[in-house]
């Protein structure tokens, strides 16, 4: 009877705090693993970009070349990608970038 309360606290901690965070991390890892050229993404900081190129470094790490406009590019690690942009959110992103 004395062990029910601590077990209940641990279970509540897992289901209320830990499980949702782990689920979001797994979802984000899947998004990062499936990035392709031409994907519209939001990077940390809220910047909306399009993946122009996926580069591999000598040590095996990948770097994304993201286009901000026709002539402006930034390079980031894939971990900077927060999420993919849904087509329903921004329909004319190509008009903005090009």
PDB file of N, CA and C in Angstrom:
ATOM      1  N   UNK A   1       0.814  -1.195   0.000  1.00  0.00           N
ATOM      2  CA  UNK A   1       0.000   0.000   0.000  1.00  0.00           C
ATOM      3  C   UNK A   1       0.857   1.258   0.000  1.00  0.00           C
ATOM      4  N   UNK A   2       2.041   1.179   0.603  1.00  0.00           N
ATOM      5  CA  UNK A   2       2.910   2.346   0.676  1.00  0.00           C
ATOM      6  C   UNK A   2       3.548   2.664  -0.668  1.00  0.00           C
ATOM      7  N   UNK A   3       3.619   1.692  -1.568  1.00  0.00           N
ATOM      8  CA  UNK A   3       4.289   1.895  -2.841  1.00  0.00           C
ATOM      9  C   UNK A   3       3.332   2.367  -3.937  1.00  0.00           C
ATOM     10  N   UNK A   4       2.068   2.403  -3.684  1.00  0.00           N
ATOM     11  CA  UNK A   4       1.095   2.814  -4.696  1.00  0.00           C
ATOM     12  C   UNK A   4       1.251   4.284  -5.049  1.00  0.00           C
ATOM     13  N   UNK A   5       1.430   5.125  -4.064  1.00  0.00           N
ATOM     14  CA  UNK A   5       1.548   6.564  -4.307  1.00  0.00           C
ATOM     15  C   UNK A   5       2.789   6.911  -5.140  1.00  0.00           C
ATOM     16  N   UNK A   6       3.979   6.430  -4.811  1.00  0.00           N
ATOM     17  CA  UNK A   6       5.143   6.734  -5.663  1.00  0.00           C
ATOM     18  C   UNK A   6       5.013   6.178  -7.086  1.00  0.00           C
ATOM     19  N   UNK A   7       4.440   4.990  -7.219  1.00  0.00           N
ATOM     20  CA  UNK A   7       4.240   4.414  -8.553  1.00  0.00           C
ATOM     21  C   UNK A   7       3.243   5.262  -9.341  1.00  0.00           C
ATOM     22  N   UNK A   8       2.211   5.742  -8.694  1.00  0.00           N
ATOM     23  CA  UNK A   8       1.221   6.592  -9.357  1.00  0.00           C
ATOM     24  C   UNK A   8       1.849   7.914  -9.798  1.00  0.00           C
ATOM     25  N   UNK A   9       2.739   8.467  -9.000  1.00  0.00           N
ATOM     26  CA  UNK A   9       3.411   9.713  -9.370  1.00  0.00           C
ATOM     27  C   UNK A   9       4.310   9.497 -10.579  1.00  0.00           C
ATOM     28  N   UNK A  10       5.051   8.409 -10.589  1.00  0.00           N
ATOM     29  CA  UNK A  10       5.928   8.102 -11.722  1.00  0.00           C
ATOM     30  C   UNK A  10       5.103   7.872 -12.988  1.00  0.00           C
ATOM     31  N   UNK A  11       4.018   7.161 -12.871  1.00  0.00           N
ATOM     32  CA  UNK A  11       3.150   6.905 -14.030  1.00  0.00           C
ATOM     33  C   UNK A  11       2.542   8.211 -14.543  1.00  0.00           C
ATOM     34  N   UNK A  12       2.083   9.051 -13.638  1.00  0.00           N
ATOM     35  CA  UNK A  12       1.513  10.340 -14.042  1.00  0.00           C
ATOM     36  C   UNK A  12       2.574  11.199 -14.718  1.00  0.00           C
ATOM     37  N   UNK A  13       3.775  11.230 -14.172  1.00  0.00           N
ATOM     38  CA  UNK A  13       4.872  11.983 -14.776  1.00  0.00           C
ATOM     39  C   UNK A  13       5.130  11.492 -16.192  1.00  0.00           C
ATOM     40  N   UNK A  14       5.157  10.191 -16.397  1.00  0.00           N
ATOM     41  CA  UNK A  14       5.424   9.632 -17.717  1.00  0.00           C
ATOM     42  C   UNK A  14       4.336  10.010 -18.710  1.00  0.00           C
ATOM     43  N   UNK A  15       3.074   9.800 -18.351  1.00  0.00           N
ATOM     44  CA  UNK A  15       1.982  10.015 -19.301  1.00  0.00           C
ATOM     45  C   UNK A  15       1.655  11.488 -19.511  1.00  0.00           C
ATOM     46  N   UNK A  16       1.878  12.325 -18.519  1.00  0.00           N
ATOM     47  CA  UNK A  16       1.526  13.741 -18.662  1.00  0.00           C
ATOM     48  C   UNK A  16       2.676  14.551 -19.253  1.00  0.00           C
ATOM     49  N   UNK A  17       3.888  14.268 -18.841  1.00  0.00           N
ATOM     50  CA  UNK A  17       5.014  15.091 -19.276  1.00  0.00           C
ATOM     51  C   UNK A  17       5.923  14.430 -20.301  1.00  0.00           C
ATOM     52  N   UNK A  18       6.333  13.232 -20.055  1.00  0.00           N
ATOM     53  CA  UNK A  18       7.381  12.613 -20.856  1.00  0.00           C
ATOM     54  C   UNK A  18       6.888  12.057 -22.190  1.00  0.00           C
ATOM     55  N   UNK A  19       5.778  11.373 -22.203  1.00  0.00           N
ATOM     56  CA  UNK A  19       5.294  10.727 -23.429  1.00  0.00           C
ATOM     57  C   UNK A  19       4.980  11.729 -24.545  1.00  0.00           C
ATOM     58  N   UNK A  20       4.305  12.849 -24.276  1.00  0.00           N
ATOM     59  CA  UNK A  20       4.071  13.806 -25.365  1.00  0.00           C
ATOM     60  C   UNK A  20       5.363  14.401 -25.937  1.00  0.00           C
ATOM     61  N   UNK A  21       6.339  14.661 -25.093  1.00  0.00           N
ATOM     62  CA  UNK A  21       7.610  15.215 -25.558  1.00  0.00           C
ATOM     63  C   UNK A  21       8.337  14.199 -26.429  1.00  0.00           C
ATOM     64  N   UNK A  22       8.374  12.963 -26.009  1.00  0.00           N
ATOM     65  CA  UNK A  22       9.031  11.918 -26.804  1.00  0.00           C
ATOM     66  C   UNK A  22       8.325  11.707 -28.138  1.00  0.00           C
ATOM     67  N   UNK A  23       6.999  11.795 -28.145  1.00  0.00           N
ATOM     68  CA  UNK A  23       6.249  11.663 -29.390  1.00  0.00           C
ATOM     69  C   UNK A  23       6.578  12.779 -30.373  1.00  0.00           C
ATOM     70  N   UNK A  24       6.694  14.010 -29.876  1.00  0.00           N
ATOM     71  CA  UNK A  24       7.056  15.136 -30.739  1.00  0.00           C
ATOM     72  C   UNK A  24       8.471  14.984 -31.283  1.00  0.00           C
ATOM     73  N   UNK A  25       9.390  14.507 -30.455  1.00  0.00           N
ATOM     74  CA  UNK A  25      10.763  14.291 -30.913  1.00  0.00           C
ATOM     75  C   UNK A  25      10.822  13.241 -32.012  1.00  0.00           C
ATOM     76  N   UNK A  26      10.083  12.165 -31.860  1.00  0.00           N
ATOM     77  CA  UNK A  26      10.060  11.123 -32.891  1.00  0.00           C
ATOM     78  C   UNK A  26       9.460  11.634 -34.186  1.00  0.00           C
ATOM     79  N   UNK A  27       8.406  12.433 -34.084  1.00  0.00           N
ATOM     80  CA  UNK A  27       7.764  13.008 -35.271  1.00  0.00           C
ATOM     81  C   UNK A  27       8.730  13.932 -36.002  1.00  0.00           C
ATOM     82  N   UNK A  28       9.473  14.751 -35.257  1.00  0.00           N
ATOM     83  CA  UNK A  28      10.429  15.680 -35.848  1.00  0.00           C
ATOM     84  C   UNK A  28      11.583  14.925 -36.504  1.00  0.00           C
ATOM     85  N   UNK A  29      12.044  13.843 -35.891  1.00  0.00           N
ATOM     86  CA  UNK A  29      13.114  13.030 -36.479  1.00  0.00           C
ATOM     87  C   UNK A  29      12.676  12.440 -37.808  1.00  0.00           C
ATOM     88  N   UNK A  30      11.420  12.016 -37.903  1.00  0.00           N
ATOM     89  CA  UNK A  30      10.906  11.468 -39.163  1.00  0.00           C
ATOM     90  C   UNK A  30      10.862  12.539 -40.239  1.00  0.00           C
ATOM     91  N   UNK A  31      10.451  13.747 -39.874  1.00  0.00           N
ATOM     92  CA  UNK A  31      10.403  14.847 -40.834  1.00  0.00           C
ATOM     93  C   UNK A  31      11.802  15.145 -41.342  1.00  0.00           C
ATOM     94  N   UNK A  32      12.773  15.232 -40.436  1.00  0.00           N
ATOM     95  CA  UNK A  32      14.151  15.538 -40.823  1.00  0.00           C
ATOM     96  C   UNK A  32      14.726  14.429 -41.703  1.00  0.00           C
ATOM     97  N   UNK A  33      14.413  13.191 -41.395  1.00  0.00           N
ATOM     98  CA  UNK A  33      14.948  12.075 -42.173  1.00  0.00           C
ATOM     99  C   UNK A  33      14.370  12.031 -43.590  1.00  0.00           C
ATOM    100  N   UNK A  34      13.192  12.603 -43.797  1.00  0.00           N
ATOM    101  CA  UNK A  34      12.526  12.525 -45.098  1.00  0.00           C
ATOM    102  C   UNK A  34      12.562  13.840 -45.872  1.00  0.00           C
ATOM    103  N   UNK A  35      13.507  14.726 -45.559  1.00  0.00           N
ATOM    104  CA  UNK A  35      13.599  15.992 -46.284  1.00  0.00           C
ATOM    105  C   UNK A  35      14.091  15.759 -47.704  1.00  0.00           C
ATOM    106  N   UNK A  36      13.508  16.491 -48.644  1.00  0.00           N
ATOM    107  CA  UNK A  36      13.875  16.384 -50.053  1.00  0.00           C
ATOM    108  C   UNK A  36      14.066  17.771 -50.643  1.00  0.00           C
ATOM    109  N   UNK A  37      14.769  17.831 -51.754  1.00  0.00           N
ATOM    110  CA  UNK A  37      14.939  19.095 -52.460  1.00  0.00           C
ATOM    111  C   UNK A  37      13.563  19.569 -52.927  1.00  0.00           C
ATOM    112  N   UNK A  38      13.297  20.855 -52.723  1.00  0.00           N
ATOM    113  CA  UNK A  38      12.016  21.441 -53.102  1.00  0.00           C
ATOM    114  C   UNK A  38      11.010  21.503 -51.969  1.00  0.00           C
ATOM    115  N   UNK A  39      11.306  20.863 -50.845  1.00  0.00           N
ATOM    116  CA  UNK A  39      10.394  20.927 -49.695  1.00  0.00           C
ATOM    117  C   UNK A  39      10.385  22.333 -49.117  1.00  0.00           C
ATOM    118  N   UNK A  40       9.221  22.788 -48.750  1.00  0.00           N
ATOM    119  CA  UNK A  40       9.073  24.073 -48.075  1.00  0.00           C
ATOM    120  C   UNK A  40       9.113  23.809 -46.580  1.00  0.00           C
ATOM    121  N   UNK A  41      10.013  24.493 -45.894  1.00  0.00           N
ATOM    122  CA  UNK A  41      10.201  24.236 -44.476  1.00  0.00           C
ATOM    123  C   UNK A  41      10.222  25.538 -43.690  1.00  0.00           C
ATOM    124  N   UNK A  42       9.929  25.408 -42.409  1.00  0.00           N
ATOM    125  CA  UNK A  42      10.096  26.505 -41.467  1.00  0.00           C
ATOM    126  C   UNK A  42      11.268  26.128 -40.572  1.00  0.00           C
ATOM    127  N   UNK A  43      12.287  26.991 -40.546  1.00  0.00           N
ATOM    128  CA  UNK A  43      13.427  26.714 -39.694  1.00  0.00           C
ATOM    129  C   UNK A  43      13.252  27.463 -38.377  1.00  0.00           C
ATOM    130  N   UNK A  44      14.069  27.114 -37.391  1.00  0.00           N
ATOM    131  CA  UNK A  44      13.963  27.768 -36.098  1.00  0.00           C
ATOM    132  C   UNK A  44      14.158  29.268 -36.296  1.00  0.00           C
ATOM    133  N   UNK A  45      13.341  30.023 -35.661  1.00  0.00           N
ATOM    134  CA  UNK A  45      13.314  31.465 -35.863  1.00  0.00           C
ATOM    135  C   UNK A  45      12.130  31.876 -36.715  1.00  0.00           C
ATOM    136  N   UNK A  46      11.436  30.900 -37.308  1.00  0.00           N
ATOM    137  CA  UNK A  46      10.225  31.189 -38.060  1.00  0.00           C
ATOM    138  C   UNK A  46      10.442  31.562 -39.513  1.00  0.00           C
ATOM    139  N   UNK A  47      11.621  31.352 -40.049  1.00  0.00           N
ATOM    140  CA  UNK A  47      11.898  31.704 -41.433  1.00  0.00           C
ATOM    141  C   UNK A  47      11.392  30.595 -42.346  1.00  0.00           C
ATOM    142  N   UNK A  48      10.626  30.985 -43.358  1.00  0.00           N
ATOM    143  CA  UNK A  48      10.084  30.034 -44.327  1.00  0.00           C
ATOM    144  C   UNK A  48      11.022  29.999 -45.530  1.00  0.00           C
ATOM    145  N   UNK A  49      11.495  28.809 -45.868  1.00  0.00           N
ATOM    146  CA  UNK A  49      12.440  28.659 -46.965  1.00  0.00           C
ATOM    147  C   UNK A  49      12.105  27.426 -47.794  1.00  0.00           C
ATOM    148  N   UNK A  50      12.828  27.272 -48.879  1.00  0.00           N
ATOM    149  CA  UNK A  50      12.712  26.097 -49.737  1.00  0.00           C
ATOM    150  C   UNK A  50      14.075  25.422 -49.795  1.00  0.00           C
ATOM    151  N   UNK A  51      14.103  24.101 -49.666  1.00  0.00           N
ATOM    152  CA  UNK A  51      15.367  23.370 -49.740  1.00  0.00           C
ATOM    153  C   UNK A  51      15.839  23.367 -51.188  1.00  0.00           C
ATOM    154  N   UNK A  52      17.013  23.944 -51.402  1.00  0.00           N
ATOM    155  CA  UNK A  52      17.574  24.047 -52.740  1.00  0.00           C
ATOM    156  C   UNK A  52      18.541  22.910 -53.019  1.00  0.00           C
ATOM    157  N   UNK A  53      19.286  22.495 -51.986  1.00  0.00           N
ATOM    158  CA  UNK A  53      20.303  21.464 -52.179  1.00  0.00           C
ATOM    159  C   UNK A  53      20.598  20.813 -50.832  1.00  0.00           C
ATOM    160  N   UNK A  54      20.932  19.527 -50.868  1.00  0.00           N
ATOM    161  CA  UNK A  54      21.350  18.811 -49.665  1.00  0.00           C
ATOM    162  C   UNK A  54      22.797  18.401 -49.877  1.00  0.00           C
ATOM    163  N   UNK A  55      23.677  18.965 -49.058  1.00  0.00           N
ATOM    164  CA  UNK A  55      25.105  18.736 -49.201  1.00  0.00           C
ATOM    165  C   UNK A  55      25.589  17.774 -48.136  1.00  0.00           C
ATOM    166  N   UNK A  56      26.558  16.946 -48.489  1.00  0.00           N
ATOM    167  CA  UNK A  56      27.190  16.042 -47.531  1.00  0.00           C
ATOM    168  C   UNK A  56      28.617  16.501 -47.297  1.00  0.00           C
ATOM    169  N   UNK A  57      29.005  16.592 -46.024  1.00  0.00           N
ATOM    170  CA  UNK A  57      30.371  16.978 -45.694  1.00  0.00           C
ATOM    171  C   UNK A  57      31.263  15.744 -45.676  1.00  0.00           C
ATOM    172  N   UNK A  58      32.560  15.972 -45.512  1.00  0.00           N
ATOM    173  CA  UNK A  58      33.522  14.869 -45.494  1.00  0.00           C
ATOM    174  C   UNK A  58      33.298  13.921 -44.324  1.00  0.00           C
ATOM    175  N   UNK A  59      32.789  14.457 -43.217  1.00  0.00           N
ATOM    176  CA  UNK A  59      32.567  13.602 -42.045  1.00  0.00           C
ATOM    177  C   UNK A  59      31.198  12.939 -42.053  1.00  0.00           C
ATOM    178  N   UNK A  60      30.443  13.080 -43.130  1.00  0.00           N
ATOM    179  CA  UNK A  60      29.164  12.389 -43.264  1.00  0.00           C
ATOM    180  C   UNK A  60      27.950  13.175 -42.817  1.00  0.00           C
ATOM    181  N   UNK A  61      28.163  14.360 -42.259  1.00  0.00           N
ATOM    182  CA  UNK A  61      27.034  15.187 -41.835  1.00  0.00           C
ATOM    183  C   UNK A  61      26.407  15.849 -43.057  1.00  0.00           C
ATOM    184  N   UNK A  62      25.137  16.134 -42.978  1.00  0.00           N
ATOM    185  CA  UNK A  62      24.477  16.806 -44.084  1.00  0.00           C
ATOM    186  C   UNK A  62      24.193  18.253 -43.715  1.00  0.00           C
ATOM    187  N   UNK A  63      24.222  19.096 -44.726  1.00  0.00           N
ATOM    188  CA  UNK A  63      23.929  20.517 -44.580  1.00  0.00           C
ATOM    189  C   UNK A  63      22.906  20.865 -45.650  1.00  0.00           C
ATOM    190  N   UNK A  64      21.925  21.662 -45.286  1.00  0.00           N
ATOM    191  CA  UNK A  64      20.893  22.074 -46.228  1.00  0.00           C
ATOM    192  C   UNK A  64      21.210  23.458 -46.775  1.00  0.00           C
ATOM    193  N   UNK A  65      21.110  23.601 -48.081  1.00  0.00           N
ATOM    194  CA  UNK A  65      21.201  24.915 -48.718  1.00  0.00           C
ATOM    195  C   UNK A  65      19.767  25.370 -48.949  1.00  0.00           C
ATOM    196  N   UNK A  66      19.368  26.420 -48.258  1.00  0.00           N
ATOM    197  CA  UNK A  66      17.997  26.900 -48.309  1.00  0.00           C
ATOM    198  C   UNK A  66      17.938  28.217 -49.061  1.00  0.00           C
ATOM    199  N   UNK A  67      16.957  28.356 -49.934  1.00  0.00           N
ATOM    200  CA  UNK A  67      16.824  29.594 -50.689  1.00  0.00           C
ATOM    201  C   UNK A  67      15.830  30.518 -50.001  1.00  0.00           C
ATOM    202  N   UNK A  68      16.290  31.755 -49.811  1.00  0.00           N
ATOM    203  CA  UNK A  68      15.426  32.804 -49.280  1.00  0.00           C
ATOM    204  C   UNK A  68      14.802  33.598 -50.420  1.00  0.00           C
ATOM    205  N   UNK A  69      15.533  33.721 -51.522  1.00  0.00           N
ATOM    206  CA  UNK A  69      15.062  34.347 -52.749  1.00  0.00           C
ATOM    207  C   UNK A  69      15.891  33.756 -53.885  1.00  0.00           C
ATOM    208  N   UNK A  70      15.801  34.341 -55.069  1.00  0.00           N
ATOM    209  CA  UNK A  70      16.555  33.786 -56.196  1.00  0.00           C
ATOM    210  C   UNK A  70      18.065  33.818 -55.958  1.00  0.00           C
ATOM    211  N   UNK A  71      18.553  34.859 -55.296  1.00  0.00           N
ATOM    212  CA  UNK A  71      19.994  35.027 -55.144  1.00  0.00           C
ATOM    213  C   UNK A  71      20.485  34.866 -53.714  1.00  0.00           C
ATOM    214  N   UNK A  72      19.598  34.710 -52.759  1.00  0.00           N
ATOM    215  CA  UNK A  72      19.998  34.626 -51.353  1.00  0.00           C
ATOM    216  C   UNK A  72      19.783  33.227 -50.812  1.00  0.00           C
ATOM    217  N   UNK A  73      20.859  32.674 -50.274  1.00  0.00           N
ATOM    218  CA  UNK A  73      20.817  31.329 -49.723  1.00  0.00           C
ATOM    219  C   UNK A  73      21.417  31.333 -48.327  1.00  0.00           C
ATOM    220  N   UNK A  74      20.983  30.391 -47.512  1.00  0.00           N
ATOM    221  CA  UNK A  74      21.600  30.160 -46.227  1.00  0.00           C
ATOM    222  C   UNK A  74      21.872  28.666 -46.108  1.00  0.00           C
ATOM    223  N   UNK A  75      22.840  28.345 -45.290  1.00  0.00           N
ATOM    224  CA  UNK A  75      23.211  26.960 -45.050  1.00  0.00           C
ATOM    225  C   UNK A  75      22.928  26.632 -43.586  1.00  0.00           C
ATOM    226  N   UNK A  76      22.210  25.544 -43.360  1.00  0.00           N
ATOM    227  CA  UNK A  76      21.868  25.145 -41.994  1.00  0.00           C
ATOM    228  C   UNK A  76      21.987  23.626 -41.876  1.00  0.00           C
ATOM    229  N   UNK A  77      22.105  23.187 -40.639  1.00  0.00           N
ATOM    230  CA  UNK A  77      22.022  21.760 -40.370  1.00  0.00           C
ATOM    231  C   UNK A  77      20.556  21.341 -40.400  1.00  0.00           C
ATOM    232  N   UNK A  78      20.261  20.109 -40.749  1.00  0.00           N
ATOM    233  CA  UNK A  78      18.867  19.660 -40.804  1.00  0.00           C
ATOM    234  C   UNK A  78      18.116  19.817 -39.477  1.00  0.00           C
ATOM    235  N   UNK A  79      18.833  19.813 -38.362  1.00  0.00           N
ATOM    236  CA  UNK A  79      18.188  19.954 -37.068  1.00  0.00           C
ATOM    237  C   UNK A  79      17.546  21.322 -36.884  1.00  0.00           C
ATOM    238  N   UNK A  80      17.892  22.293 -37.727  1.00  0.00           N
ATOM    239  CA  UNK A  80      17.293  23.621 -37.641  1.00  0.00           C
ATOM    240  C   UNK A  80      15.860  23.640 -38.184  1.00  0.00           C
ATOM    241  N   UNK A  81      15.493  22.601 -38.928  1.00  0.00           N
ATOM    242  CA  UNK A  81      14.148  22.534 -39.497  1.00  0.00           C
ATOM    243  C   UNK A  81      13.152  22.216 -38.384  1.00  0.00           C
ATOM    244  N   UNK A  82      12.174  23.084 -38.238  1.00  0.00           N
ATOM    245  CA  UNK A  82      11.138  22.877 -37.234  1.00  0.00           C
ATOM    246  C   UNK A  82      10.012  21.994 -37.781  1.00  0.00           C
ATOM    247  N   UNK A  83       9.552  22.338 -38.987  1.00  0.00           N
ATOM    248  CA  UNK A  83       8.459  21.563 -39.591  1.00  0.00           C
ATOM    249  C   UNK A  83       8.336  21.901 -41.071  1.00  0.00           C
ATOM    250  N   UNK A  84       7.587  21.082 -41.762  1.00  0.00           N
ATOM    251  CA  UNK A  84       7.274  21.336 -43.167  1.00  0.00           C
ATOM    252  C   UNK A  84       6.133  22.338 -43.247  1.00  0.00           C
ATOM    253  N   UNK A  85       6.124  23.141 -44.299  1.00  0.00           N
ATOM    254  CA  UNK A  85       5.044  24.095 -44.521  1.00  0.00           C
ATOM    255  C   UNK A  85       3.921  23.371 -45.249  1.00  0.00           C
ATOM    256  N   UNK A  86       2.736  23.466 -44.720  1.00  0.00           N
ATOM    257  CA  UNK A  86       1.585  22.849 -45.365  1.00  0.00           C
ATOM    258  C   UNK A  86       1.126  23.727 -46.522  1.00  0.00           C
ATOM    259  N   UNK A  87       0.685  23.094 -47.596  1.00  0.00           N
ATOM    260  CA  UNK A  87       0.240  23.842 -48.769  1.00  0.00           C
ATOM    261  C   UNK A  87      -0.953  24.727 -48.460  1.00  0.00           C
ATOM    262  N   UNK A  88      -1.770  24.328 -47.520  1.00  0.00           N
ATOM    263  CA  UNK A  88      -2.942  25.127 -47.198  1.00  0.00           C
ATOM    264  C   UNK A  88      -2.579  26.411 -46.464  1.00  0.00           C
ATOM    265  N   UNK A  89      -1.398  26.444 -45.832  1.00  0.00           N
ATOM    266  CA  UNK A  89      -0.987  27.631 -45.096  1.00  0.00           C
ATOM    267  C   UNK A  89      -0.492  28.708 -46.049  1.00  0.00           C
ATOM    268  N   UNK A  90       0.405  28.334 -46.932  1.00  0.00           N
ATOM    269  CA  UNK A  90       0.952  29.300 -47.887  1.00  0.00           C
ATOM    270  C   UNK A  90       0.854  28.684 -49.273  1.00  0.00           C
ATOM    271  N   UNK A  91      -0.060  29.180 -50.066  1.00  0.00           N
ATOM    272  CA  UNK A  91      -0.287  28.599 -51.391  1.00  0.00           C
ATOM    273  C   UNK A  91       0.645  29.177 -52.447  1.00  0.00           C
ATOM    274  N   UNK A  92       1.064  30.412 -52.278  1.00  0.00           N
ATOM    275  CA  UNK A  92       1.851  31.063 -53.311  1.00  0.00           C
ATOM    276  C   UNK A  92       3.265  31.356 -52.864  1.00  0.00           C
ATOM    277  N   UNK A  93       3.893  30.463 -52.146  1.00  0.00           N
ATOM    278  CA  UNK A  93       5.252  30.681 -51.676  1.00  0.00           C
ATOM    279  C   UNK A  93       6.224  30.790 -52.852  1.00  0.00           C
ATOM    280  N   UNK A  94       5.980  30.078 -53.912  1.00  0.00           N
ATOM    281  CA  UNK A  94       6.848  30.161 -55.088  1.00  0.00           C
ATOM    282  C   UNK A  94       6.823  31.561 -55.679  1.00  0.00           C
ATOM    283  N   UNK A  95       5.682  32.234 -55.659  1.00  0.00           N
ATOM    284  CA  UNK A  95       5.593  33.600 -56.160  1.00  0.00           C
ATOM    285  C   UNK A  95       6.394  34.557 -55.294  1.00  0.00           C
ATOM    286  N   UNK A  96       6.433  34.281 -54.003  1.00  0.00           N
ATOM    287  CA  UNK A  96       7.174  35.140 -53.076  1.00  0.00           C
ATOM    288  C   UNK A  96       8.670  34.966 -53.296  1.00  0.00           C
ATOM    289  N   UNK A  97       9.118  33.722 -53.403  1.00  0.00           N
ATOM    290  CA  UNK A  97      10.554  33.451 -53.525  1.00  0.00           C
ATOM    291  C   UNK A  97      11.074  33.812 -54.914  1.00  0.00           C
ATOM    292  N   UNK A  98      10.326  33.482 -55.924  1.00  0.00           N
ATOM    293  CA  UNK A  98      10.794  33.750 -57.287  1.00  0.00           C
ATOM    294  C   UNK A  98      10.312  35.089 -57.690  1.00  0.00           C
TER     295      UNK A  98
END
